[in-house]
Amino acid sequence: MKIKIKCFSQVKYAFGKDELKMELEAGTSTSELEKMIRAKAKGKLDDISLRVAVNQKYLPNEIELKDGDEVAFIPPVQGG
């Protein structure tokens, strides 16, 4: 299945892109995808907590992803 990952703040800086496209095995969960994203970031996201949104809705728990889903990993808001 194919999904789109929207990158914001530190996630965007870690990958140098606004968006990633990934092909995943059916049955992949949001927590499994987060582990993959953190591994791809090679330590740049290690100490950052991320909220997960799927299809523009925040999730309180992990879910199984579906083909065509849009996932966003959103770091905490930082003030200035």
PDB file of N, CA and C in Angstrom:
ATOM      1  N   MET A   1       0.839  -1.179   0.000  1.00  0.00           N
ATOM      2  CA  MET A   1       0.000   0.000   0.000  1.00  0.00           C
ATOM      3  C   MET A   1       0.881   1.237   0.000  1.00  0.00           C
ATOM      4  N   LYS A   2       0.365   2.300  -0.546  1.00  0.00           N
ATOM      5  CA  LYS A   2       1.114   3.557  -0.619  1.00  0.00           C
ATOM      6  C   LYS A   2       0.475   4.590   0.289  1.00  0.00           C
ATOM      7  N   ILE A   3       1.325   5.317   1.028  1.00  0.00           N
ATOM      8  CA  ILE A   3       0.844   6.397   1.878  1.00  0.00           C
ATOM      9  C   ILE A   3       1.691   7.640   1.637  1.00  0.00           C
ATOM     10  N   LYS A   4       1.146   8.773   2.069  1.00  0.00           N
ATOM     11  CA  LYS A   4       1.853  10.046   1.978  1.00  0.00           C
ATOM     12  C   LYS A   4       2.098  10.528   3.401  1.00  0.00           C
ATOM     13  N   ILE A   5       3.302  11.019   3.657  1.00  0.00           N
ATOM     14  CA  ILE A   5       3.649  11.533   4.973  1.00  0.00           C
ATOM     15  C   ILE A   5       3.946  13.015   4.841  1.00  0.00           C
ATOM     16  N   LYS A   6       3.194  13.826   5.579  1.00  0.00           N
ATOM     17  CA  LYS A   6       3.404  15.271   5.600  1.00  0.00           C
ATOM     18  C   LYS A   6       4.436  15.570   6.686  1.00  0.00           C
ATOM     19  N   CYS A   7       5.418  16.384   6.359  1.00  0.00           N
ATOM     20  CA  CYS A   7       6.509  16.689   7.286  1.00  0.00           C
ATOM     21  C   CYS A   7       6.400  18.130   7.782  1.00  0.00           C
ATOM     22  N   PHE A   8       6.424  18.293   9.091  1.00  0.00           N
ATOM     23  CA  PHE A   8       6.348  19.609   9.712  1.00  0.00           C
ATOM     24  C   PHE A   8       7.511  19.797  10.670  1.00  0.00           C
ATOM     25  N   SER A   9       7.936  21.027  10.856  1.00  0.00           N
ATOM     26  CA  SER A   9       8.924  21.422  11.852  1.00  0.00           C
ATOM     27  C   SER A   9      10.163  20.512  11.831  1.00  0.00           C
ATOM     28  N   GLN A  10      10.493  19.874  12.969  1.00  0.00           N
ATOM     29  CA  GLN A  10      11.708  19.059  13.054  1.00  0.00           C
ATOM     30  C   GLN A  10      11.695  17.884  12.083  1.00  0.00           C
ATOM     31  N   VAL A  11      10.526  17.341  11.787  1.00  0.00           N
ATOM     32  CA  VAL A  11      10.443  16.229  10.835  1.00  0.00           C
ATOM     33  C   VAL A  11      10.858  16.732   9.448  1.00  0.00           C
ATOM     34  N   LYS A  12      10.401  17.915   9.099  1.00  0.00           N
ATOM     35  CA  LYS A  12      10.765  18.527   7.820  1.00  0.00           C
ATOM     36  C   LYS A  12      12.279  18.779   7.764  1.00  0.00           C
ATOM     37  N   TYR A  13      12.834  19.288   8.862  1.00  0.00           N
ATOM     38  CA  TYR A  13      14.284  19.539   8.891  1.00  0.00           C
ATOM     39  C   TYR A  13      15.080  18.237   8.811  1.00  0.00           C
ATOM     40  N   ALA A  14      14.577  17.183   9.438  1.00  0.00           N
ATOM     41  CA  ALA A  14      15.278  15.894   9.437  1.00  0.00           C
ATOM     42  C   ALA A  14      15.387  15.316   8.028  1.00  0.00           C
ATOM     43  N   PHE A  15      14.349  15.530   7.214  1.00  0.00           N
ATOM     44  CA  PHE A  15      14.327  14.936   5.875  1.00  0.00           C
ATOM     45  C   PHE A  15      14.570  15.939   4.753  1.00  0.00           C
ATOM     46  N   GLY A  16      14.489  17.235   5.062  1.00  0.00           N
ATOM     47  CA  GLY A  16      14.689  18.247   4.036  1.00  0.00           C
ATOM     48  C   GLY A  16      13.570  18.283   3.005  1.00  0.00           C
ATOM     49  N   LYS A  17      12.391  17.789   3.386  1.00  0.00           N
ATOM     50  CA  LYS A  17      11.253  17.727   2.469  1.00  0.00           C
ATOM     51  C   LYS A  17       9.962  18.034   3.217  1.00  0.00           C
ATOM     52  N   ASP A  18       8.968  18.521   2.477  1.00  0.00           N
ATOM     53  CA  ASP A  18       7.632  18.755   3.038  1.00  0.00           C
ATOM     54  C   ASP A  18       6.804  17.474   3.069  1.00  0.00           C
ATOM     55  N   GLU A  19       7.200  16.513   2.234  1.00  0.00           N
ATOM     56  CA  GLU A  19       6.367  15.329   2.052  1.00  0.00           C
ATOM     57  C   GLU A  19       7.220  14.124   1.661  1.00  0.00           C
ATOM     58  N   LEU A  20       6.850  12.972   2.178  1.00  0.00           N
ATOM     59  CA  LEU A  20       7.487  11.708   1.811  1.00  0.00           C
ATOM     60  C   LEU A  20       6.407  10.767   1.298  1.00  0.00           C
ATOM     61  N   LYS A  21       6.755   9.910   0.392  1.00  0.00           N
ATOM     62  CA  LYS A  21       5.840   8.860  -0.052  1.00  0.00           C
ATOM     63  C   LYS A  21       6.504   7.533   0.273  1.00  0.00           C
ATOM     64  N   MET A  22       5.720   6.635   0.857  1.00  0.00           N
ATOM     65  CA  MET A  22       6.264   5.336   1.244  1.00  0.00           C
ATOM     66  C   MET A  22       5.325   4.235   0.808  1.00  0.00           C
ATOM     67  N   GLU A  23       5.920   3.103   0.517  1.00  0.00           N
ATOM     68  CA  GLU A  23       5.149   1.902   0.236  1.00  0.00           C
ATOM     69  C   GLU A  23       5.330   0.983   1.435  1.00  0.00           C
ATOM     70  N   LEU A  24       4.210   0.576   2.029  1.00  0.00           N
ATOM     71  CA  LEU A  24       4.222  -0.239   3.236  1.00  0.00           C
ATOM     72  C   LEU A  24       3.470  -1.539   3.018  1.00  0.00           C
ATOM     73  N   GLU A  25       3.754  -2.502   3.875  1.00  0.00           N
ATOM     74  CA  GLU A  25       3.006  -3.753   3.838  1.00  0.00           C
ATOM     75  C   GLU A  25       1.624  -3.526   4.431  1.00  0.00           C
ATOM     76  N   ALA A  26       0.631  -4.216   3.914  1.00  0.00           N
ATOM     77  CA  ALA A  26      -0.714  -4.148   4.470  1.00  0.00           C
ATOM     78  C   ALA A  26      -0.647  -4.517   5.945  1.00  0.00           C
ATOM     79  N   GLY A  27      -1.420  -3.825   6.749  1.00  0.00           N
ATOM     80  CA  GLY A  27      -1.444  -4.107   8.184  1.00  0.00           C
ATOM     81  C   GLY A  27      -0.480  -3.275   9.000  1.00  0.00           C
ATOM     82  N   THR A  28       0.312  -2.401   8.367  1.00  0.00           N
ATOM     83  CA  THR A  28       1.250  -1.554   9.103  1.00  0.00           C
ATOM     84  C   THR A  28       0.471  -0.570   9.970  1.00  0.00           C
ATOM     85  N   SER A  29       0.889  -0.426  11.222  1.00  0.00           N
ATOM     86  CA  SER A  29       0.213   0.486  12.147  1.00  0.00           C
ATOM     87  C   SER A  29       0.942   1.828  12.201  1.00  0.00           C
ATOM     88  N   THR A  30       0.276   2.817  12.791  1.00  0.00           N
ATOM     89  CA  THR A  30       0.894   4.135  12.925  1.00  0.00           C
ATOM     90  C   THR A  30       2.150   4.068  13.801  1.00  0.00           C
ATOM     91  N   SER A  31       2.144   3.240  14.840  1.00  0.00           N
ATOM     92  CA  SER A  31       3.339   3.143  15.689  1.00  0.00           C
ATOM     93  C   SER A  31       4.495   2.471  14.951  1.00  0.00           C
ATOM     94  N   GLU A  32       4.198   1.496  14.113  1.00  0.00           N
ATOM     95  CA  GLU A  32       5.256   0.868  13.307  1.00  0.00           C
ATOM     96  C   GLU A  32       5.829   1.875  12.306  1.00  0.00           C
ATOM     97  N   LEU A  33       4.950   2.686  11.708  1.00  0.00           N
ATOM     98  CA  LEU A  33       5.423   3.707  10.776  1.00  0.00           C
ATOM     99  C   LEU A  33       6.280   4.737  11.499  1.00  0.00           C
ATOM    100  N   GLU A  34       5.898   5.120  12.704  1.00  0.00           N
ATOM    101  CA  GLU A  34       6.699   6.084  13.462  1.00  0.00           C
ATOM    102  C   GLU A  34       8.104   5.527  13.714  1.00  0.00           C
ATOM    103  N   LYS A  35       8.210   4.257  14.046  1.00  0.00           N
ATOM    104  CA  LYS A  35       9.529   3.640  14.252  1.00  0.00           C
ATOM    105  C   LYS A  35      10.357   3.702  12.966  1.00  0.00           C
ATOM    106  N   MET A  36       9.708   3.451  11.820  1.00  0.00           N
ATOM    107  CA  MET A  36      10.411   3.520  10.534  1.00  0.00           C
ATOM    108  C   MET A  36      10.909   4.936  10.253  1.00  0.00           C
ATOM    109  N   ILE A  37      10.054   5.922  10.517  1.00  0.00           N
ATOM    110  CA  ILE A  37      10.408   7.323  10.272  1.00  0.00           C
ATOM    111  C   ILE A  37      11.570   7.736  11.168  1.00  0.00           C
ATOM    112  N   ARG A  38      11.511   7.359  12.424  1.00  0.00           N
ATOM    113  CA  ARG A  38      12.602   7.697  13.346  1.00  0.00           C
ATOM    114  C   ARG A  38      13.916   7.053  12.895  1.00  0.00           C
ATOM    115  N   ALA A  39      13.860   5.809  12.428  1.00  0.00           N
ATOM    116  CA  ALA A  39      15.070   5.131  11.944  1.00  0.00           C
ATOM    117  C   ALA A  39      15.634   5.839  10.712  1.00  0.00           C
ATOM    118  N   LYS A  40      14.748   6.256   9.798  1.00  0.00           N
ATOM    119  CA  LYS A  40      15.192   6.964   8.590  1.00  0.00           C
ATOM    120  C   LYS A  40      15.822   8.312   8.921  1.00  0.00           C
ATOM    121  N   ALA A  41      15.386   8.923  10.040  1.00  0.00           N
ATOM    122  CA  ALA A  41      15.891  10.245  10.431  1.00  0.00           C
ATOM    123  C   ALA A  41      17.282  10.169  11.052  1.00  0.00           C
ATOM    124  N   LYS A  42      17.779   8.975  11.276  1.00  0.00           N
ATOM    125  CA  LYS A  42      19.143   8.746  11.775  1.00  0.00           C
ATOM    126  C   LYS A  42      19.482   9.587  13.012  1.00  0.00           C
ATOM    127  N   GLY A  43      18.601   9.519  14.012  1.00  0.00           N
ATOM    128  CA  GLY A  43      18.861  10.179  15.288  1.00  0.00           C
ATOM    129  C   GLY A  43      18.346  11.604  15.402  1.00  0.00           C
ATOM    130  N   LYS A  44      17.938  12.209  14.318  1.00  0.00           N
ATOM    131  CA  LYS A  44      17.508  13.611  14.359  1.00  0.00           C
ATOM    132  C   LYS A  44      16.173  13.809  15.070  1.00  0.00           C
ATOM    133  N   LEU A  45      15.424  12.733  15.283  1.00  0.00           N
ATOM    134  CA  LEU A  45      14.124  12.841  15.963  1.00  0.00           C
ATOM    135  C   LEU A  45      14.094  12.086  17.286  1.00  0.00           C
ATOM    136  N   ASP A  46      15.257  11.658  17.761  1.00  0.00           N
ATOM    137  CA  ASP A  46      15.312  10.787  18.940  1.00  0.00           C
ATOM    138  C   ASP A  46      14.668  11.373  20.192  1.00  0.00           C
ATOM    139  N   ASP A  47      14.885  12.633  20.490  1.00  0.00           N
ATOM    140  CA  ASP A  47      14.375  13.218  21.731  1.00  0.00           C
ATOM    141  C   ASP A  47      13.133  14.075  21.502  1.00  0.00           C
ATOM    142  N   ILE A  48      12.445  13.851  20.416  1.00  0.00           N
ATOM    143  CA  ILE A  48      11.274  14.662  20.071  1.00  0.00           C
ATOM    144  C   ILE A  48      10.018  13.808  20.128  1.00  0.00           C
ATOM    145  N   SER A  49       9.034  14.279  20.892  1.00  0.00           N
ATOM    146  CA  SER A  49       7.761  13.567  20.913  1.00  0.00           C
ATOM    147  C   SER A  49       6.958  14.002  19.693  1.00  0.00           C
ATOM    148  N   LEU A  50       6.236  13.075  19.121  1.00  0.00           N
ATOM    149  CA  LEU A  50       5.464  13.354  17.909  1.00  0.00           C
ATOM    150  C   LEU A  50       4.004  12.961  18.113  1.00  0.00           C
ATOM    151  N   ARG A  51       3.099  13.834  17.686  1.00  0.00           N
ATOM    152  CA  ARG A  51       1.680  13.481  17.626  1.00  0.00           C
ATOM    153  C   ARG A  51       1.406  12.970  16.230  1.00  0.00           C
ATOM    154  N   VAL A  52       0.449  12.067  16.126  1.00  0.00           N
ATOM    155  CA  VAL A  52       0.134  11.462  14.834  1.00  0.00           C
ATOM    156  C   VAL A  52      -1.255  11.892  14.384  1.00  0.00           C
ATOM    157  N   ALA A  53      -1.341  12.294  13.133  1.00  0.00           N
ATOM    158  CA  ALA A  53      -2.635  12.579  12.516  1.00  0.00           C
ATOM    159  C   ALA A  53      -2.730  11.742  11.245  1.00  0.00           C
ATOM    160  N   VAL A  54      -3.886  11.160  11.023  1.00  0.00           N
ATOM    161  CA  VAL A  54      -4.135  10.405   9.797  1.00  0.00           C
ATOM    162  C   VAL A  54      -5.341  11.044   9.121  1.00  0.00           C
ATOM    163  N   ASN A  55      -5.141  11.413   7.866  1.00  0.00           N
ATOM    164  CA  ASN A  55      -6.198  12.071   7.094  1.00  0.00           C
ATOM    165  C   ASN A  55      -6.743  13.289   7.840  1.00  0.00           C
ATOM    166  N   GLN A  56      -5.808  14.067   8.407  1.00  0.00           N
ATOM    167  CA  GLN A  56      -6.055  15.347   9.082  1.00  0.00           C
ATOM    168  C   GLN A  56      -6.841  15.219  10.380  1.00  0.00           C
ATOM    169  N   LYS A  57      -6.777  14.054  11.030  1.00  0.00           N
ATOM    170  CA  LYS A  57      -7.412  13.864  12.334  1.00  0.00           C
ATOM    171  C   LYS A  57      -6.388  13.305  13.308  1.00  0.00           C
ATOM    172  N   TYR A  58      -6.242  13.989  14.457  1.00  0.00           N
ATOM    173  CA  TYR A  58      -5.346  13.485  15.492  1.00  0.00           C
ATOM    174  C   TYR A  58      -5.870  12.163  16.040  1.00  0.00           C
ATOM    175  N   LEU A  59      -4.933  11.279  16.355  1.00  0.00           N
ATOM    176  CA  LEU A  59      -5.307   9.958  16.866  1.00  0.00           C
ATOM    177  C   LEU A  59      -4.854   9.803  18.311  1.00  0.00           C
ATOM    178  N   PRO A  60      -5.752   9.348  19.196  1.00  0.00           N
ATOM    179  CA  PRO A  60      -5.339   9.096  20.574  1.00  0.00           C
ATOM    180  C   PRO A  60      -4.618   7.751  20.713  1.00  0.00           C
ATOM    181  N   ASN A  61      -4.880   6.827  19.785  1.00  0.00           N
ATOM    182  CA  ASN A  61      -4.290   5.485  19.822  1.00  0.00           C
ATOM    183  C   ASN A  61      -3.793   5.115  18.426  1.00  0.00           C
ATOM    184  N   GLU A  62      -2.999   4.058  18.367  1.00  0.00           N
ATOM    185  CA  GLU A  62      -2.519   3.622  17.059  1.00  0.00           C
ATOM    186  C   GLU A  62      -3.654   2.973  16.268  1.00  0.00           C
ATOM    187  N   ILE A  63      -3.532   3.062  14.954  1.00  0.00           N
ATOM    188  CA  ILE A  63      -4.492   2.407  14.063  1.00  0.00           C
ATOM    189  C   ILE A  63      -3.731   1.712  12.951  1.00  0.00           C
ATOM    190  N   GLU A  64      -4.421   0.853  12.250  1.00  0.00           N
ATOM    191  CA  GLU A  64      -3.850   0.210  11.070  1.00  0.00           C
ATOM    192  C   GLU A  64      -4.058   1.153   9.889  1.00  0.00           C
ATOM    193  N   LEU A  65      -2.987   1.392   9.147  1.00  0.00           N
ATOM    194  CA  LEU A  65      -3.067   2.301   8.007  1.00  0.00           C
ATOM    195  C   LEU A  65      -3.681   1.609   6.801  1.00  0.00           C
ATOM    196  N   LYS A  66      -4.260   2.434   5.933  1.00  0.00           N
ATOM    197  CA  LYS A  66      -4.882   1.925   4.707  1.00  0.00           C
ATOM    198  C   LYS A  66      -4.235   2.588   3.502  1.00  0.00           C
ATOM    199  N   ASP A  67      -4.324   1.940   2.363  1.00  0.00           N
ATOM    200  CA  ASP A  67      -3.780   2.476   1.127  1.00  0.00           C
ATOM    201  C   ASP A  67      -4.342   3.881   0.881  1.00  0.00           C
ATOM    202  N   GLY A  68      -3.460   4.811   0.564  1.00  0.00           N
ATOM    203  CA  GLY A  68      -3.869   6.178   0.250  1.00  0.00           C
ATOM    204  C   GLY A  68      -3.956   7.105   1.445  1.00  0.00           C
ATOM    205  N   ASP A  69      -3.719   6.599   2.666  1.00  0.00           N
ATOM    206  CA  ASP A  69      -3.789   7.467   3.846  1.00  0.00           C
ATOM    207  C   ASP A  69      -2.721   8.551   3.779  1.00  0.00           C
ATOM    208  N   GLU A  70      -3.044   9.698   4.396  1.00  0.00           N
ATOM    209  CA  GLU A  70      -2.090  10.783   4.566  1.00  0.00           C
ATOM    210  C   GLU A  70      -1.774  10.857   6.053  1.00  0.00           C
ATOM    211  N   VAL A  71      -0.509  10.699   6.390  1.00  0.00           N
ATOM    212  CA  VAL A  71      -0.077  10.680   7.784  1.00  0.00           C
ATOM    213  C   VAL A  71       0.793  11.900   8.044  1.00  0.00           C
ATOM    214  N   ALA A  72       0.580  12.531   9.191  1.00  0.00           N
ATOM    215  CA  ALA A  72       1.430  13.647   9.602  1.00  0.00           C
ATOM    216  C   ALA A  72       1.981  13.344  10.980  1.00  0.00           C
ATOM    217  N   PHE A  73       3.276  13.526  11.141  1.00  0.00           N
ATOM    218  CA  PHE A  73       3.918  13.429  12.448  1.00  0.00           C
ATOM    219  C   PHE A  73       4.222  14.863  12.853  1.00  0.00           C
ATOM    220  N   ILE A  74       3.563  15.301  13.933  1.00  0.00           N
ATOM    221  CA  ILE A  74       3.627  16.707  14.294  1.00  0.00           C
ATOM    222  C   ILE A  74       4.323  16.864  15.642  1.00  0.00           C
ATOM    223  N   PRO A  75       5.476  17.551  15.640  1.00  0.00           N
ATOM    224  CA  PRO A  75       6.196  17.810  16.892  1.00  0.00           C
ATOM    225  C   PRO A  75       5.423  18.818  17.735  1.00  0.00           C
ATOM    226  N   PRO A  76       5.769  18.938  19.010  1.00  0.00           N
ATOM    227  CA  PRO A  76       5.092  19.930  19.856  1.00  0.00           C
ATOM    228  C   PRO A  76       5.289  21.341  19.298  1.00  0.00           C
ATOM    229  N   VAL A  77       4.314  22.184  19.538  1.00  0.00           N
ATOM    230  CA  VAL A  77       4.401  23.577  19.087  1.00  0.00           C
ATOM    231  C   VAL A  77       5.441  24.297  19.915  1.00  0.00           C
ATOM    232  N   GLN A  78       6.250  25.104  19.263  1.00  0.00           N
ATOM    233  CA  GLN A  78       7.297  25.859  19.954  1.00  0.00           C
ATOM    234  C   GLN A  78       6.979  27.340  19.861  1.00  0.00           C
ATOM    235  N   GLY A  79       7.107  27.994  20.974  1.00  0.00           N
ATOM    236  CA  GLY A  79       6.842  29.438  21.018  1.00  0.00           C
ATOM    237  C   GLY A  79       8.084  30.239  20.717  1.00  0.00           C
ATOM    238  N   GLY A  80       7.884  31.511  20.525  1.00  0.00           N
ATOM    239  CA  GLY A  80       9.036  32.356  20.233  1.00  0.00           C
ATOM    240  C   GLY A  80       8.790  33.763  20.630  1.00  0.00           C
TER     241      GLY A  80
END
